[in-house]
């Protein structure tokens, strides 16, 4: 369960903006605050990608929000702005380790790597959701953090754009699977293609729809 300290929660209620958590922590004396989020827990193929972003104090990027609430074009524009105005680190865990560890542990690993790959170590880390990650910094899990914290929302944008671009590359390698269209998510079209062709090298073999296809091919 995510825990919100009373001091932080009070600051959020007072200002009620996407920057409330960051502003409260700045006032408490923290100067380097990172937000971390992931993209790609649900797909049947491809990696899970996490991003950690440090927005310098005073850098307020207009329109920043949960990546799922933004159009692809808006995400791409904000991604470029974040690249030029903030610091970020990326963590990528591929299908092999997702199958070996399970998606929850792979997500925790990607988020940890994203934080540790930041070009500057943070003093405080805001983490989307209620999944704890093993990092040597003060931290706070925020359920729905990508809609409440600008730093976390920036992480969600960087993670989503980075993962989508990786899936475009995989689409070139495996064009029959149409990864450019569905990004590996279990759409009806993706499930149909998977059933017709069988898994590609980047499919997550531990995920149920992929396992079912493998079981059918073994029993055929």
C-alpha atoms as a PDB file:
ATOM      1  CA  UNK A   1       0.000   0.000   0.000  1.00  0.00           C
ATOM      2  CA  UNK A   2       1.313   3.449  -0.885  1.00  0.00           C
ATOM      3  CA  UNK A   3       1.886   5.741   2.080  1.00  0.00           C
ATOM      4  CA  UNK A   4       1.533   9.514   1.816  1.00  0.00           C
ATOM      5  CA  UNK A   5       3.227  11.364   4.701  1.00  0.00           C
ATOM      6  CA  UNK A   6       1.008  13.983   6.296  1.00  0.00           C
ATOM      7  CA  UNK A   7       3.495  16.779   5.502  1.00  0.00           C
ATOM      8  CA  UNK A   8       3.431  15.955   1.796  1.00  0.00           C
ATOM      9  CA  UNK A   9      -0.325  15.422   1.677  1.00  0.00           C
ATOM     10  CA  UNK A  10      -0.902  18.811   3.314  1.00  0.00           C
ATOM     11  CA  UNK A  11       1.140  20.519   0.624  1.00  0.00           C
ATOM     12  CA  UNK A  12      -0.850  18.792  -2.092  1.00  0.00           C
ATOM     13  CA  UNK A  13      -4.148  19.915  -0.653  1.00  0.00           C
ATOM     14  CA  UNK A  14      -2.931  23.507  -0.391  1.00  0.00           C
ATOM     15  CA  UNK A  15      -1.770  23.956  -3.986  1.00  0.00           C
ATOM     16  CA  UNK A  16      -3.614  21.237  -5.888  1.00  0.00           C
ATOM     17  CA  UNK A  17      -1.396  21.265  -8.985  1.00  0.00           C
ATOM     18  CA  UNK A  18       0.714  18.729 -10.864  1.00  0.00           C
ATOM     19  CA  UNK A  19       3.724  20.250  -9.102  1.00  0.00           C
ATOM     20  CA  UNK A  20       2.355  20.024  -5.541  1.00  0.00           C
ATOM     21  CA  UNK A  21       4.486  17.089  -4.415  1.00  0.00           C
ATOM     22  CA  UNK A  22       7.642  18.600  -5.895  1.00  0.00           C
ATOM     23  CA  UNK A  23       6.972  22.070  -4.479  1.00  0.00           C
ATOM     24  CA  UNK A  24       6.373  20.697  -1.000  1.00  0.00           C
ATOM     25  CA  UNK A  25       9.578  18.665  -1.094  1.00  0.00           C
ATOM     26  CA  UNK A  26      11.541  21.665  -2.365  1.00  0.00           C
ATOM     27  CA  UNK A  27      10.243  23.669   0.604  1.00  0.00           C
ATOM     28  CA  UNK A  28      11.342  20.863   2.923  1.00  0.00           C
ATOM     29  CA  UNK A  29      14.898  21.234   1.651  1.00  0.00           C
ATOM     30  CA  UNK A  30      15.198  18.623  -1.085  1.00  0.00           C
ATOM     31  CA  UNK A  31      16.765  20.004  -4.259  1.00  0.00           C
ATOM     32  CA  UNK A  32      16.957  16.965  -6.585  1.00  0.00           C
ATOM     33  CA  UNK A  33      13.594  15.200  -6.945  1.00  0.00           C
ATOM     34  CA  UNK A  34      12.929  12.440  -9.470  1.00  0.00           C
ATOM     35  CA  UNK A  35       9.678  10.880 -10.639  1.00  0.00           C
ATOM     36  CA  UNK A  36       9.612   7.361 -12.055  1.00  0.00           C
ATOM     37  CA  UNK A  37       7.009   5.451 -14.051  1.00  0.00           C
ATOM     38  CA  UNK A  38       6.859   2.543 -16.482  1.00  0.00           C
ATOM     39  CA  UNK A  39       5.243   1.543 -19.760  1.00  0.00           C
ATOM     40  CA  UNK A  40       4.553  -1.924 -21.065  1.00  0.00           C
ATOM     41  CA  UNK A  41       3.360  -4.124 -18.231  1.00  0.00           C
ATOM     42  CA  UNK A  42       0.337  -5.363 -20.181  1.00  0.00           C
ATOM     43  CA  UNK A  43       1.654  -6.233 -23.662  1.00  0.00           C
ATOM     44  CA  UNK A  44       2.207  -9.785 -24.889  1.00  0.00           C
ATOM     45  CA  UNK A  45       5.489  -8.832 -26.565  1.00  0.00           C
ATOM     46  CA  UNK A  46       8.438  -6.540 -26.149  1.00  0.00           C
ATOM     47  CA  UNK A  47      10.119  -5.056 -23.089  1.00  0.00           C
ATOM     48  CA  UNK A  48       8.858  -3.184 -20.079  1.00  0.00           C
ATOM     49  CA  UNK A  49      10.410   0.284 -20.066  1.00  0.00           C
ATOM     50  CA  UNK A  50      10.761   2.660 -17.131  1.00  0.00           C
ATOM     51  CA  UNK A  51      11.911   6.252 -17.035  1.00  0.00           C
ATOM     52  CA  UNK A  52      12.997   8.489 -14.175  1.00  0.00           C
ATOM     53  CA  UNK A  53      12.895  12.254 -14.691  1.00  0.00           C
ATOM     54  CA  UNK A  54      14.343  15.129 -12.661  1.00  0.00           C
ATOM     55  CA  UNK A  55      12.568  18.405 -13.368  1.00  0.00           C
ATOM     56  CA  UNK A  56      14.759  21.270 -12.100  1.00  0.00           C
ATOM     57  CA  UNK A  57      13.076  23.635  -9.677  1.00  0.00           C
ATOM     58  CA  UNK A  58      11.168  26.277 -11.607  1.00  0.00           C
ATOM     59  CA  UNK A  59      10.913  24.175 -14.783  1.00  0.00           C
ATOM     60  CA  UNK A  60       7.184  23.833 -15.382  1.00  0.00           C
ATOM     61  CA  UNK A  61       6.341  22.180 -18.681  1.00  0.00           C
ATOM     62  CA  UNK A  62       2.895  23.148 -19.930  1.00  0.00           C
ATOM     63  CA  UNK A  63       0.552  20.257 -20.739  1.00  0.00           C
ATOM     64  CA  UNK A  64       2.472  17.593 -18.860  1.00  0.00           C
ATOM     65  CA  UNK A  65       0.190  14.776 -17.741  1.00  0.00           C
ATOM     66  CA  UNK A  66      -0.237  11.014 -17.582  1.00  0.00           C
ATOM     67  CA  UNK A  67       0.972   9.719 -20.959  1.00  0.00           C
ATOM     68  CA  UNK A  68      -2.226   7.674 -21.395  1.00  0.00           C
ATOM     69  CA  UNK A  69      -4.237  10.909 -21.452  1.00  0.00           C
ATOM     70  CA  UNK A  70      -2.169  12.426 -24.267  1.00  0.00           C
ATOM     71  CA  UNK A  71      -2.261  11.933 -28.019  1.00  0.00           C
ATOM     72  CA  UNK A  72       0.818  10.369 -29.652  1.00  0.00           C
ATOM     73  CA  UNK A  73       1.678  13.742 -31.198  1.00  0.00           C
ATOM     74  CA  UNK A  74       1.403  15.554 -27.856  1.00  0.00           C
ATOM     75  CA  UNK A  75       3.506  12.864 -26.157  1.00  0.00           C
ATOM     76  CA  UNK A  76       6.208  13.237 -28.801  1.00  0.00           C
ATOM     77  CA  UNK A  77       6.280  17.028 -28.417  1.00  0.00           C
ATOM     78  CA  UNK A  78       6.466  16.812 -24.629  1.00  0.00           C
ATOM     79  CA  UNK A  79       9.150  14.133 -24.869  1.00  0.00           C
ATOM     80  CA  UNK A  80      11.368  16.525 -26.845  1.00  0.00           C
ATOM     81  CA  UNK A  81      10.727  19.298 -24.337  1.00  0.00           C
ATOM     82  CA  UNK A  82      11.547  17.024 -21.401  1.00  0.00           C
ATOM     83  CA  UNK A  83      14.783  15.953 -23.115  1.00  0.00           C
ATOM     84  CA  UNK A  84      15.904  19.573 -23.389  1.00  0.00           C
ATOM     85  CA  UNK A  85      14.711  20.867 -20.023  1.00  0.00           C
ATOM     86  CA  UNK A  86      15.151  17.941 -17.629  1.00  0.00           C
ATOM     87  CA  UNK A  87      17.420  15.034 -16.722  1.00  0.00           C
ATOM     88  CA  UNK A  88      16.247  11.474 -17.286  1.00  0.00           C
ATOM     89  CA  UNK A  89      17.328   7.859 -17.016  1.00  0.00           C
ATOM     90  CA  UNK A  90      15.907   4.805 -18.766  1.00  0.00           C
ATOM     91  CA  UNK A  91      15.531   1.198 -17.604  1.00  0.00           C
ATOM     92  CA  UNK A  92      14.633  -1.570 -20.051  1.00  0.00           C
ATOM     93  CA  UNK A  93      13.887  -5.204 -19.178  1.00  0.00           C
ATOM     94  CA  UNK A  94      13.199  -7.531 -22.091  1.00  0.00           C
ATOM     95  CA  UNK A  95      10.953 -10.525 -22.587  1.00  0.00           C
ATOM     96  CA  UNK A  96      13.568 -13.077 -21.421  1.00  0.00           C
ATOM     97  CA  UNK A  97      13.728 -11.575 -17.938  1.00  0.00           C
ATOM     98  CA  UNK A  98       9.988 -10.882 -17.866  1.00  0.00           C
ATOM     99  CA  UNK A  99       9.432 -14.621 -18.380  1.00  0.00           C
ATOM    100  CA  UNK A 100      12.157 -15.565 -15.927  1.00  0.00           C
ATOM    101  CA  UNK A 101      11.252 -13.164 -13.098  1.00  0.00           C
ATOM    102  CA  UNK A 102       7.521 -12.376 -13.783  1.00  0.00           C
ATOM    103  CA  UNK A 103       6.238  -9.018 -14.945  1.00  0.00           C
ATOM    104  CA  UNK A 104       6.003  -7.456 -11.470  1.00  0.00           C
ATOM    105  CA  UNK A 105       9.631  -8.158 -10.617  1.00  0.00           C
ATOM    106  CA  UNK A 106      10.747  -7.143 -14.112  1.00  0.00           C
ATOM    107  CA  UNK A 107       8.899  -3.838 -13.682  1.00  0.00           C
ATOM    108  CA  UNK A 108      10.580  -3.217 -10.330  1.00  0.00           C
ATOM    109  CA  UNK A 109      13.952  -3.936 -11.936  1.00  0.00           C
ATOM    110  CA  UNK A 110      13.295  -1.552 -14.851  1.00  0.00           C
ATOM    111  CA  UNK A 111      12.234   1.229 -12.475  1.00  0.00           C
ATOM    112  CA  UNK A 112      15.299   0.694 -10.308  1.00  0.00           C
ATOM    113  CA  UNK A 113      17.568   0.818 -13.361  1.00  0.00           C
ATOM    114  CA  UNK A 114      15.888   4.006 -14.571  1.00  0.00           C
ATOM    115  CA  UNK A 115      16.604   5.765 -11.268  1.00  0.00           C
ATOM    116  CA  UNK A 116      20.195   4.504 -11.095  1.00  0.00           C
ATOM    117  CA  UNK A 117      20.784   5.561 -14.718  1.00  0.00           C
ATOM    118  CA  UNK A 118      19.956   9.191 -13.974  1.00  0.00           C
ATOM    119  CA  UNK A 119      22.926  11.454 -14.764  1.00  0.00           C
ATOM    120  CA  UNK A 120      22.517  12.982 -11.306  1.00  0.00           C
ATOM    121  CA  UNK A 121      21.563  10.995  -8.221  1.00  0.00           C
ATOM    122  CA  UNK A 122      18.273  12.142  -6.663  1.00  0.00           C
ATOM    123  CA  UNK A 123      17.652  13.034  -3.055  1.00  0.00           C
ATOM    124  CA  UNK A 124      14.012  11.963  -3.205  1.00  0.00           C
ATOM    125  CA  UNK A 125      12.120   9.713  -5.620  1.00  0.00           C
ATOM    126  CA  UNK A 126       8.380   9.781  -6.342  1.00  0.00           C
ATOM    127  CA  UNK A 127       7.206   6.400  -7.644  1.00  0.00           C
ATOM    128  CA  UNK A 128       4.000   5.765  -9.567  1.00  0.00           C
ATOM    129  CA  UNK A 129       1.723   3.134  -8.050  1.00  0.00           C
ATOM    130  CA  UNK A 130       2.144   0.967  -4.991  1.00  0.00           C
ATOM    131  CA  UNK A 131       5.032  -1.240  -6.148  1.00  0.00           C
ATOM    132  CA  UNK A 132       8.119  -0.700  -3.967  1.00  0.00           C
ATOM    133  CA  UNK A 133      11.502  -0.517  -5.678  1.00  0.00           C
ATOM    134  CA  UNK A 134      14.904  -1.172  -4.152  1.00  0.00           C
ATOM    135  CA  UNK A 135      16.778   2.127  -4.348  1.00  0.00           C
ATOM    136  CA  UNK A 136      19.094   3.814  -1.807  1.00  0.00           C
ATOM    137  CA  UNK A 137      17.148   7.089  -1.735  1.00  0.00           C
ATOM    138  CA  UNK A 138      14.216   8.505   0.165  1.00  0.00           C
ATOM    139  CA  UNK A 139      11.092   7.619  -1.742  1.00  0.00           C
ATOM    140  CA  UNK A 140       7.317   7.793  -1.835  1.00  0.00           C
ATOM    141  CA  UNK A 141       4.860   5.616  -3.743  1.00  0.00           C
ATOM    142  CA  UNK A 142       1.885   7.553  -5.125  1.00  0.00           C
ATOM    143  CA  UNK A 143      -1.115   5.647  -6.455  1.00  0.00           C
ATOM    144  CA  UNK A 144      -2.122   7.441  -9.654  1.00  0.00           C
ATOM    145  CA  UNK A 145       1.096   9.415  -9.455  1.00  0.00           C
ATOM    146  CA  UNK A 146       1.233   9.992 -13.208  1.00  0.00           C
ATOM    147  CA  UNK A 147      -1.862  12.196 -12.824  1.00  0.00           C
ATOM    148  CA  UNK A 148      -0.708  13.884  -9.598  1.00  0.00           C
ATOM    149  CA  UNK A 149       3.013  14.578  -9.968  1.00  0.00           C
ATOM    150  CA  UNK A 150       4.696  16.376 -12.868  1.00  0.00           C
ATOM    151  CA  UNK A 151       7.916  14.405 -12.373  1.00  0.00           C
ATOM    152  CA  UNK A 152       6.100  11.075 -12.459  1.00  0.00           C
ATOM    153  CA  UNK A 153       4.013  12.194 -15.444  1.00  0.00           C
ATOM    154  CA  UNK A 154       7.232  13.156 -17.247  1.00  0.00           C
ATOM    155  CA  UNK A 155       8.561   9.681 -16.476  1.00  0.00           C
ATOM    156  CA  UNK A 156       5.426   8.141 -17.946  1.00  0.00           C
ATOM    157  CA  UNK A 157       5.829  10.166 -21.146  1.00  0.00           C
ATOM    158  CA  UNK A 158       9.498   9.302 -21.602  1.00  0.00           C
ATOM    159  CA  UNK A 159       8.841   5.619 -20.877  1.00  0.00           C
ATOM    160  CA  UNK A 160       5.884   5.420 -23.265  1.00  0.00           C
ATOM    161  CA  UNK A 161       7.589   7.218 -26.165  1.00  0.00           C
ATOM    162  CA  UNK A 162      10.777   5.203 -25.699  1.00  0.00           C
ATOM    163  CA  UNK A 163       8.890   1.917 -25.679  1.00  0.00           C
ATOM    164  CA  UNK A 164       6.746   2.820 -28.681  1.00  0.00           C
ATOM    165  CA  UNK A 165       9.865   3.657 -30.670  1.00  0.00           C
ATOM    166  CA  UNK A 166      11.412   0.332 -29.723  1.00  0.00           C
ATOM    167  CA  UNK A 167       8.288  -1.387 -31.017  1.00  0.00           C
ATOM    168  CA  UNK A 168       8.678   0.468 -34.340  1.00  0.00           C
ATOM    169  CA  UNK A 169      12.139  -1.109 -34.612  1.00  0.00           C
ATOM    170  CA  UNK A 170      10.712  -4.544 -33.832  1.00  0.00           C
ATOM    171  CA  UNK A 171       8.094  -3.935 -36.514  1.00  0.00           C
ATOM    172  CA  UNK A 172      10.903  -3.618 -39.064  1.00  0.00           C
ATOM    173  CA  UNK A 173      12.426  -6.880 -37.841  1.00  0.00           C
ATOM    174  CA  UNK A 174       9.108  -8.778 -37.698  1.00  0.00           C
ATOM    175  CA  UNK A 175       6.740  -6.924 -40.063  1.00  0.00           C
ATOM    176  CA  UNK A 176       4.099  -9.657 -40.217  1.00  0.00           C
ATOM    177  CA  UNK A 177       3.225  -9.107 -36.539  1.00  0.00           C
ATOM    178  CA  UNK A 178       2.306  -5.410 -37.035  1.00  0.00           C
ATOM    179  CA  UNK A 179       4.017  -4.271 -33.827  1.00  0.00           C
ATOM    180  CA  UNK A 180       3.931  -0.697 -35.116  1.00  0.00           C
ATOM    181  CA  UNK A 181       0.135  -0.787 -34.878  1.00  0.00           C
ATOM    182  CA  UNK A 182      -0.595  -2.489 -31.546  1.00  0.00           C
ATOM    183  CA  UNK A 183       2.801  -2.077 -29.778  1.00  0.00           C
ATOM    184  CA  UNK A 184       2.503  -5.632 -28.459  1.00  0.00           C
ATOM    185  CA  UNK A 185      -0.720  -5.051 -26.539  1.00  0.00           C
ATOM    186  CA  UNK A 186      -3.338  -7.838 -26.695  1.00  0.00           C
ATOM    187  CA  UNK A 187      -5.667  -6.293 -29.251  1.00  0.00           C
ATOM    188  CA  UNK A 188      -7.993  -8.586 -31.194  1.00  0.00           C
ATOM    189  CA  UNK A 189      -5.844  -8.165 -34.295  1.00  0.00           C
ATOM    190  CA  UNK A 190      -2.644  -8.960 -32.409  1.00  0.00           C
ATOM    191  CA  UNK A 191      -4.169 -12.095 -30.873  1.00  0.00           C
ATOM    192  CA  UNK A 192      -5.344 -13.201 -34.318  1.00  0.00           C
ATOM    193  CA  UNK A 193      -1.889 -12.685 -35.830  1.00  0.00           C
ATOM    194  CA  UNK A 194      -0.300 -14.491 -32.896  1.00  0.00           C
ATOM    195  CA  UNK A 195      -2.670 -17.424 -33.376  1.00  0.00           C
ATOM    196  CA  UNK A 196      -1.900 -17.574 -37.115  1.00  0.00           C
ATOM    197  CA  UNK A 197       1.879 -17.170 -36.959  1.00  0.00           C
ATOM    198  CA  UNK A 198       2.824 -18.372 -33.498  1.00  0.00           C
ATOM    199  CA  UNK A 199       5.050 -16.339 -31.153  1.00  0.00           C
ATOM    200  CA  UNK A 200       7.820 -14.126 -32.462  1.00  0.00           C
ATOM    201  CA  UNK A 201      11.238 -13.984 -30.730  1.00  0.00           C
ATOM    202  CA  UNK A 202      10.061 -11.016 -28.638  1.00  0.00           C
ATOM    203  CA  UNK A 203       6.798 -12.496 -27.348  1.00  0.00           C
ATOM    204  CA  UNK A 204       6.445 -13.109 -23.608  1.00  0.00           C
ATOM    205  CA  UNK A 205       6.082 -16.866 -23.415  1.00  0.00           C
ATOM    206  CA  UNK A 206       4.817 -16.790 -19.827  1.00  0.00           C
ATOM    207  CA  UNK A 207       1.762 -14.674 -20.702  1.00  0.00           C
ATOM    208  CA  UNK A 208      -1.433 -16.690 -20.978  1.00  0.00           C
ATOM    209  CA  UNK A 209      -2.494 -15.889 -24.580  1.00  0.00           C
ATOM    210  CA  UNK A 210       1.008 -16.746 -25.801  1.00  0.00           C
ATOM    211  CA  UNK A 211       1.115 -19.934 -23.721  1.00  0.00           C
ATOM    212  CA  UNK A 212      -2.214 -21.003 -25.197  1.00  0.00           C
ATOM    213  CA  UNK A 213      -0.885 -20.644 -28.734  1.00  0.00           C
ATOM    214  CA  UNK A 214       2.196 -22.680 -27.827  1.00  0.00           C
ATOM    215  CA  UNK A 215       0.063 -25.374 -26.189  1.00  0.00           C
ATOM    216  CA  UNK A 216      -2.198 -25.608 -29.249  1.00  0.00           C
ATOM    217  CA  UNK A 217       0.798 -25.994 -31.547  1.00  0.00           C
ATOM    218  CA  UNK A 218       2.258 -28.750 -29.361  1.00  0.00           C
ATOM    219  CA  UNK A 219      -1.049 -30.623 -29.284  1.00  0.00           C
ATOM    220  CA  UNK A 220      -1.764 -30.222 -33.001  1.00  0.00           C
END
